[in-house]
Amino acid sequence: MAFVTKKESGVKTVVKGFVTGGTMVVMSYPLEYMKTQMQLQSKTAPEYNGMVDCAKKTVSKHGVQGLYRGASVRIVGAGCQQMCRWGAYTNLCSLFRDENGKIGVVGNTISGMGAGVCEAIIAVTPVETIKTRVTDDLRRGTGQYRGSGDAVVKILKSEGPMGLYRGAVPTILKQGTNQAVRMPLQVYFFGIISMGDDSKKSSPIYNGIAGAMAGVGSVFLTQPQDCVKSRMQGEEAKKLYSGTWDCAVKMFKADGPSAFFAGSVPRSMQMAANVGLTFAIYPAIGMLLAKIGM
């Protein structure tokens, strides 16, 4: 990234990452909620005709707050996720920079993949499991969880710590691919829209637009992993699937290839918003911290 330099400090990266993640989720969570609901429903007997229908039915039944079910753990988790992502990315990039501080496409891709794997293991998998279980509980109307905190306690009691790591394999594959694709794509799109103007390297607007474009581009390479992950983290997954491969095979047999691209439209919108906001907020916070001497 143009705004990530070898001078980045650990404390600065942690602060920027956490604030970026939390802010991004508050602004875009309803899209994530709708995406998850559409992935969890059956393709043969769908509950929703699309994301608008999903939003209408959720608000009608649960109010606007229904679109933020499971958001609290996601806000904290996203902060931790961004801390892991940018911390790992910054450190890995230092291994590939030349004497002028520049990094090539291959180094950027490997650094992005490493950052994605790191965030998947430390933050994304447990947070996504809780979010998916809570939203699936709401969709099914089983009333098993009062909220994210209650879900954490009950999952740990009934399934132990590994209960929070359902779908770890597809999550790691998804996040590793996500960041391996997004980091170099963002640089590529930034170069196009900035027309090589180095003065725009720290611009939140230019970085945000390039990030949004990179986010949409990455969806089509990671949607199958995301769909399998959501099914694996659903409330009934333990009874339905013996593992990641078994889940993928059963999805294909039951619903065909389209099962692996369920929720593509809301996820594309979500990723454009999430990734765009991430690449806009992160340099903006860096500029703010620089003004106060950090």
Protein backbone atom coordinates (compact mmCIF):
# COMPACT_ATOMS: atom_id res chain seq x y z
CA MET A 1 0.00 0.00 0.00
CA ALA A 2 1.20 3.48 -0.80
CA PHE A 3 0.29 4.70 2.68
CA VAL A 4 2.05 1.82 4.51
CA THR A 5 5.73 2.60 4.97
CA LYS A 6 8.63 0.86 6.67
CA LYS A 7 8.49 3.57 9.36
CA GLU A 8 5.14 2.32 10.73
CA SER A 9 5.37 1.61 14.48
CA GLY A 10 3.69 -1.24 16.33
CA VAL A 11 1.57 1.02 18.58
CA LYS A 12 0.46 3.15 15.66
CA THR A 13 -0.55 0.11 13.63
CA VAL A 14 -2.57 -1.31 16.56
CA VAL A 15 -4.47 1.95 17.14
CA LYS A 16 -5.13 2.57 13.45
CA GLY A 17 -6.20 -1.02 12.87
CA PHE A 18 -8.63 -1.24 15.80
CA VAL A 19 -10.35 2.10 15.10
CA THR A 20 -10.55 1.30 11.38
CA GLY A 21 -12.20 -2.08 11.99
CA GLY A 22 -14.76 -0.87 14.51
CA THR A 23 -15.80 2.13 12.42
CA MET A 24 -16.12 0.06 9.26
CA VAL A 25 -18.45 -2.49 10.88
CA VAL A 26 -20.78 0.11 12.40
CA MET A 27 -21.27 1.60 8.93
CA SER A 28 -21.68 -1.63 6.92
CA TYR A 29 -23.01 -4.39 9.20
CA PRO A 30 -26.60 -4.54 7.79
CA LEU A 31 -25.17 -5.64 4.42
CA GLU A 32 -23.17 -8.37 6.15
CA TYR A 33 -26.26 -9.51 8.04
CA MET A 34 -28.30 -9.80 4.83
CA LYS A 35 -25.48 -11.65 3.06
CA THR A 36 -25.29 -14.23 5.85
CA GLN A 37 -29.06 -14.73 5.94
CA MET A 38 -29.19 -15.37 2.20
CA GLN A 39 -26.33 -17.87 2.42
CA LEU A 40 -27.96 -19.81 5.25
CA GLN A 41 -31.33 -20.23 3.56
CA SER A 42 -32.14 -23.23 1.36
CA LYS A 43 -31.85 -22.67 -2.38
CA THR A 44 -34.78 -25.02 -3.04
CA ALA A 45 -37.14 -23.30 -0.58
CA PRO A 46 -35.72 -19.79 -0.03
CA GLU A 47 -37.14 -17.51 2.65
CA TYR A 48 -36.04 -14.33 0.88
CA ASN A 49 -36.31 -13.24 -2.76
CA GLY A 50 -33.29 -10.98 -2.47
CA MET A 51 -31.49 -8.58 -0.18
CA VAL A 52 -34.29 -5.98 -0.22
CA ASP A 53 -36.85 -8.65 0.70
CA CYS A 54 -34.51 -9.88 3.44
CA ALA A 55 -34.17 -6.37 4.88
CA LYS A 56 -37.95 -5.76 4.78
CA LYS A 57 -38.84 -9.04 6.49
CA THR A 58 -36.15 -8.61 9.15
CA VAL A 59 -37.23 -5.04 10.02
CA SER A 60 -40.91 -6.06 9.96
CA LYS A 61 -40.33 -8.93 12.38
CA HIS A 62 -37.50 -7.64 14.59
CA GLY A 63 -37.27 -3.89 13.96
CA VAL A 64 -34.23 -2.02 12.61
CA GLN A 65 -32.13 -3.46 15.42
CA GLY A 66 -32.63 -6.87 13.84
CA LEU A 67 -30.22 -5.82 11.08
CA TYR A 68 -27.57 -5.38 13.79
CA ARG A 69 -28.09 -8.76 15.48
CA GLY A 70 -24.63 -10.09 16.38
CA ALA A 71 -22.97 -6.74 15.59
CA SER A 72 -21.41 -6.13 19.02
CA VAL A 73 -18.98 -9.03 18.82
CA ARG A 74 -18.31 -8.16 15.17
CA ILE A 75 -17.34 -4.57 16.06
CA VAL A 76 -14.78 -5.71 18.63
CA GLY A 77 -13.73 -8.60 16.42
CA ALA A 78 -13.26 -6.35 13.39
CA GLY A 79 -11.02 -4.09 15.45
CA CYS A 80 -8.89 -7.10 16.40
CA GLN A 81 -9.04 -8.37 12.82
CA GLN A 82 -7.72 -5.11 11.41
CA MET A 83 -5.02 -5.00 14.09
CA CYS A 84 -3.86 -8.48 13.03
CA ARG A 85 -4.14 -7.68 9.32
CA TRP A 86 -2.20 -4.45 9.27
CA GLY A 87 0.28 -5.59 11.92
CA ALA A 88 1.10 -8.75 9.96
CA TYR A 89 1.05 -6.97 6.61
CA THR A 90 3.38 -4.20 7.77
CA ASN A 91 5.88 -6.67 9.23
CA LEU A 92 5.77 -9.04 6.26
CA CYS A 93 6.18 -6.18 3.79
CA SER A 94 9.45 -5.21 5.49
CA LEU A 95 10.88 -8.56 4.34
CA PHE A 96 10.22 -7.77 0.68
CA ARG A 97 11.02 -4.05 0.42
CA ASP A 98 14.07 -2.98 -1.59
CA GLU A 99 16.59 -0.38 -0.47
CA ASN A 100 14.22 2.38 -1.62
CA GLY A 101 11.36 1.02 0.47
CA LYS A 102 9.37 -0.21 -2.54
CA ILE A 103 7.67 -3.58 -2.78
CA GLY A 104 6.80 -5.60 -5.89
CA VAL A 105 3.58 -7.39 -6.82
CA VAL A 106 4.80 -10.81 -5.65
CA GLY A 107 5.97 -9.48 -2.28
CA ASN A 108 2.72 -7.56 -1.86
CA THR A 109 0.67 -10.67 -2.68
CA ILE A 110 2.60 -12.89 -0.26
CA SER A 111 2.37 -10.23 2.49
CA GLY A 112 -1.37 -9.92 1.89
CA MET A 113 -1.85 -13.69 2.06
CA GLY A 114 0.12 -13.91 5.30
CA ALA A 115 -1.95 -11.09 6.79
CA GLY A 116 -5.17 -12.86 5.76
CA VAL A 117 -4.12 -16.17 7.33
CA CYS A 118 -3.08 -14.37 10.53
CA GLU A 119 -6.39 -12.52 10.92
CA ALA A 120 -8.38 -15.67 10.09
CA ILE A 121 -6.77 -17.70 12.87
CA ILE A 122 -6.66 -15.05 15.58
CA ALA A 123 -9.85 -13.07 15.01
CA VAL A 124 -12.06 -13.87 12.02
CA THR A 125 -13.00 -17.53 12.63
CA PRO A 126 -14.29 -17.20 16.22
CA VAL A 127 -16.02 -13.88 15.51
CA GLU A 128 -17.66 -15.18 12.32
CA THR A 129 -18.81 -18.33 14.14
CA ILE A 130 -20.56 -16.29 16.83
CA LYS A 131 -22.07 -13.88 14.32
CA THR A 132 -23.36 -16.70 12.12
CA ARG A 133 -24.78 -18.72 15.02
CA VAL A 134 -26.62 -15.67 16.40
CA THR A 135 -28.03 -14.61 13.01
CA ASP A 136 -29.01 -18.21 12.19
CA ASP A 137 -30.78 -18.46 15.56
CA LEU A 138 -32.71 -15.30 14.69
CA ARG A 139 -33.60 -16.62 11.22
CA ARG A 140 -34.82 -19.95 12.62
CA GLY A 141 -36.69 -18.29 15.49
CA THR A 142 -35.30 -20.79 18.01
CA GLY A 143 -34.47 -18.12 20.61
CA GLN A 144 -31.43 -19.99 21.88
CA TYR A 145 -29.25 -16.91 22.27
CA ARG A 146 -30.09 -13.54 23.82
CA GLY A 147 -27.15 -11.93 22.06
CA SER A 148 -23.47 -12.32 21.16
CA GLY A 149 -22.22 -12.53 24.75
CA ASP A 150 -24.78 -15.16 25.65
CA ALA A 151 -23.82 -17.14 22.53
CA VAL A 152 -20.13 -17.13 23.50
CA VAL A 153 -20.89 -18.48 26.98
CA LYS A 154 -23.27 -21.19 25.74
CA ILE A 155 -20.99 -22.33 22.90
CA LEU A 156 -18.00 -22.61 25.24
CA LYS A 157 -20.06 -24.55 27.80
CA SER A 158 -21.56 -27.01 25.33
CA GLU A 159 -18.77 -27.39 22.76
CA GLY A 160 -15.60 -26.04 24.33
CA PRO A 161 -13.14 -23.60 22.67
CA MET A 162 -13.16 -25.58 19.41
CA GLY A 163 -16.84 -24.72 19.04
CA LEU A 164 -15.68 -21.22 18.11
CA TYR A 165 -13.49 -22.60 15.33
CA ARG A 166 -16.08 -24.27 13.13
CA GLY A 167 -15.31 -23.63 9.47
CA ALA A 168 -11.71 -22.66 10.23
CA VAL A 169 -10.34 -24.21 7.01
CA PRO A 170 -12.62 -22.35 4.54
CA THR A 171 -12.21 -19.17 6.61
CA ILE A 172 -8.40 -19.36 6.39
CA LEU A 173 -8.64 -20.09 2.65
CA LYS A 174 -11.06 -17.21 2.16
CA GLN A 175 -9.12 -14.62 4.17
CA GLY A 176 -5.75 -15.65 2.75
CA THR A 177 -7.12 -15.37 -0.81
CA ASN A 178 -8.97 -12.13 0.04
CA GLN A 179 -5.89 -10.24 1.14
CA ALA A 180 -3.58 -11.85 -1.44
CA VAL A 181 -5.90 -10.47 -4.12
CA ARG A 182 -6.96 -7.18 -2.53
CA MET A 183 -3.57 -5.75 -1.62
CA PRO A 184 -2.05 -5.82 -5.13
CA LEU A 185 -5.43 -5.01 -6.75
CA GLN A 186 -5.75 -1.89 -4.58
CA VAL A 187 -2.28 -0.76 -5.64
CA TYR A 188 -3.15 -1.42 -9.29
CA PHE A 189 -6.45 0.50 -9.19
CA PHE A 190 -4.87 3.30 -7.16
CA GLY A 191 -2.22 3.75 -9.85
CA ILE A 192 -4.96 4.07 -12.49
CA ILE A 193 -7.20 6.59 -10.73
CA SER A 194 -4.31 8.67 -9.32
CA MET A 195 -2.54 8.64 -12.71
CA GLY A 196 0.80 8.15 -10.97
CA ASP A 197 0.51 11.27 -8.80
CA ASP A 198 2.60 10.48 -5.67
CA SER A 199 1.02 13.40 -3.77
CA LYS A 200 -2.19 11.35 -3.53
CA LYS A 201 -0.59 8.33 -1.80
CA SER A 202 -2.08 9.25 1.58
CA SER A 203 -5.42 10.46 0.22
CA PRO A 204 -8.33 8.71 1.98
CA ILE A 205 -10.60 9.37 -1.03
CA TYR A 206 -8.31 7.89 -3.68
CA ASN A 207 -7.31 4.95 -1.48
CA GLY A 208 -10.94 4.35 -0.55
CA ILE A 209 -12.14 4.24 -4.16
CA ALA A 210 -9.29 1.90 -5.14
CA GLY A 211 -10.07 -0.26 -2.10
CA ALA A 212 -13.76 -0.51 -3.03
CA MET A 213 -12.83 -1.66 -6.54
CA ALA A 214 -10.39 -4.22 -5.12
CA GLY A 215 -13.05 -5.48 -2.69
CA VAL A 216 -15.55 -6.20 -5.46
CA GLY A 217 -12.87 -7.91 -7.55
CA SER A 218 -11.94 -10.24 -4.71
CA VAL A 219 -15.53 -11.42 -4.12
CA PHE A 220 -15.66 -13.59 -7.21
CA LEU A 221 -12.53 -15.49 -6.18
CA THR A 222 -13.63 -16.09 -2.59
CA GLN A 223 -17.44 -16.43 -2.69
CA PRO A 224 -17.42 -20.28 -2.74
CA GLN A 225 -15.20 -20.40 0.38
CA ASP A 226 -17.44 -17.83 2.08
CA CYS A 227 -20.60 -19.84 1.34
CA VAL A 228 -19.08 -23.06 2.69
CA LYS A 229 -17.85 -21.17 5.76
CA SER A 230 -21.32 -19.80 6.50
CA ARG A 231 -22.91 -23.26 6.20
CA MET A 232 -20.20 -24.77 8.43
CA GLN A 233 -20.83 -22.12 11.09
CA GLY A 234 -24.63 -22.43 11.05
CA GLU A 235 -26.57 -23.65 14.09
CA GLU A 236 -27.23 -27.12 12.64
CA ALA A 237 -23.82 -27.60 10.98
CA LYS A 238 -22.54 -30.09 13.55
CA LYS A 239 -25.42 -32.43 12.76
CA LEU A 240 -25.38 -31.92 9.00
CA TYR A 241 -21.70 -31.98 8.03
CA SER A 242 -18.70 -34.07 9.05
CA GLY A 243 -16.22 -31.53 7.72
CA THR A 244 -15.45 -28.84 5.14
CA TRP A 245 -15.32 -31.18 2.12
CA ASP A 246 -18.49 -32.99 3.19
CA CYS A 247 -20.26 -29.64 3.47
CA ALA A 248 -19.15 -28.57 -0.02
CA VAL A 249 -20.23 -31.88 -1.57
CA LYS A 250 -23.66 -31.79 0.08
CA MET A 251 -24.18 -28.17 -0.97
CA PHE A 252 -23.40 -29.08 -4.57
CA LYS A 253 -25.68 -32.14 -4.55
CA ALA A 254 -28.58 -30.31 -2.93
CA ASP A 255 -28.49 -26.94 -4.68
CA GLY A 256 -26.00 -27.18 -7.55
CA PRO A 257 -23.16 -24.76 -8.42
CA SER A 258 -25.30 -21.72 -7.61
CA ALA A 259 -25.10 -22.66 -3.91
CA PHE A 260 -21.49 -21.48 -3.93
CA PHE A 261 -22.46 -18.01 -5.11
CA ALA A 262 -25.45 -17.34 -2.85
CA GLY A 263 -25.41 -13.80 -1.50
CA SER A 264 -22.94 -12.57 -4.15
CA VAL A 265 -24.77 -9.28 -4.72
CA PRO A 266 -25.02 -8.17 -1.07
CA ARG A 267 -21.47 -9.44 -0.45
CA SER A 268 -20.16 -7.40 -3.42
CA MET A 269 -21.85 -4.33 -1.98
CA GLN A 270 -20.63 -5.20 1.50
CA MET A 271 -17.05 -5.70 0.29
CA ALA A 272 -17.09 -2.46 -1.71
CA ALA A 273 -18.22 -0.66 1.45
CA ASN A 274 -15.99 -2.57 3.89
CA VAL A 275 -12.78 -2.54 1.88
CA GLY A 276 -13.37 0.98 0.58
CA LEU A 277 -13.93 2.25 4.12
CA THR A 278 -10.90 0.32 5.40
CA PHE A 279 -8.55 1.86 2.85
CA ALA A 280 -10.06 5.30 3.43
CA ILE A 281 -10.19 5.25 7.23
CA TYR A 282 -6.75 3.71 7.82
CA PRO A 283 -4.70 6.49 6.15
CA ALA A 284 -7.08 9.13 7.57
CA ILE A 285 -6.37 7.92 11.11
CA GLY A 286 -2.66 7.85 10.28
CA MET A 287 -2.83 11.51 9.27
CA LEU A 288 -4.71 12.35 12.49
CA LEU A 289 -2.16 10.51 14.66
CA ALA A 290 0.66 12.31 12.86
CA LYS A 291 -0.88 15.64 13.79
CA ILE A 292 -0.92 14.73 17.49
CA GLY A 293 2.65 13.46 17.37
CA MET A 294 2.20 9.69 17.22
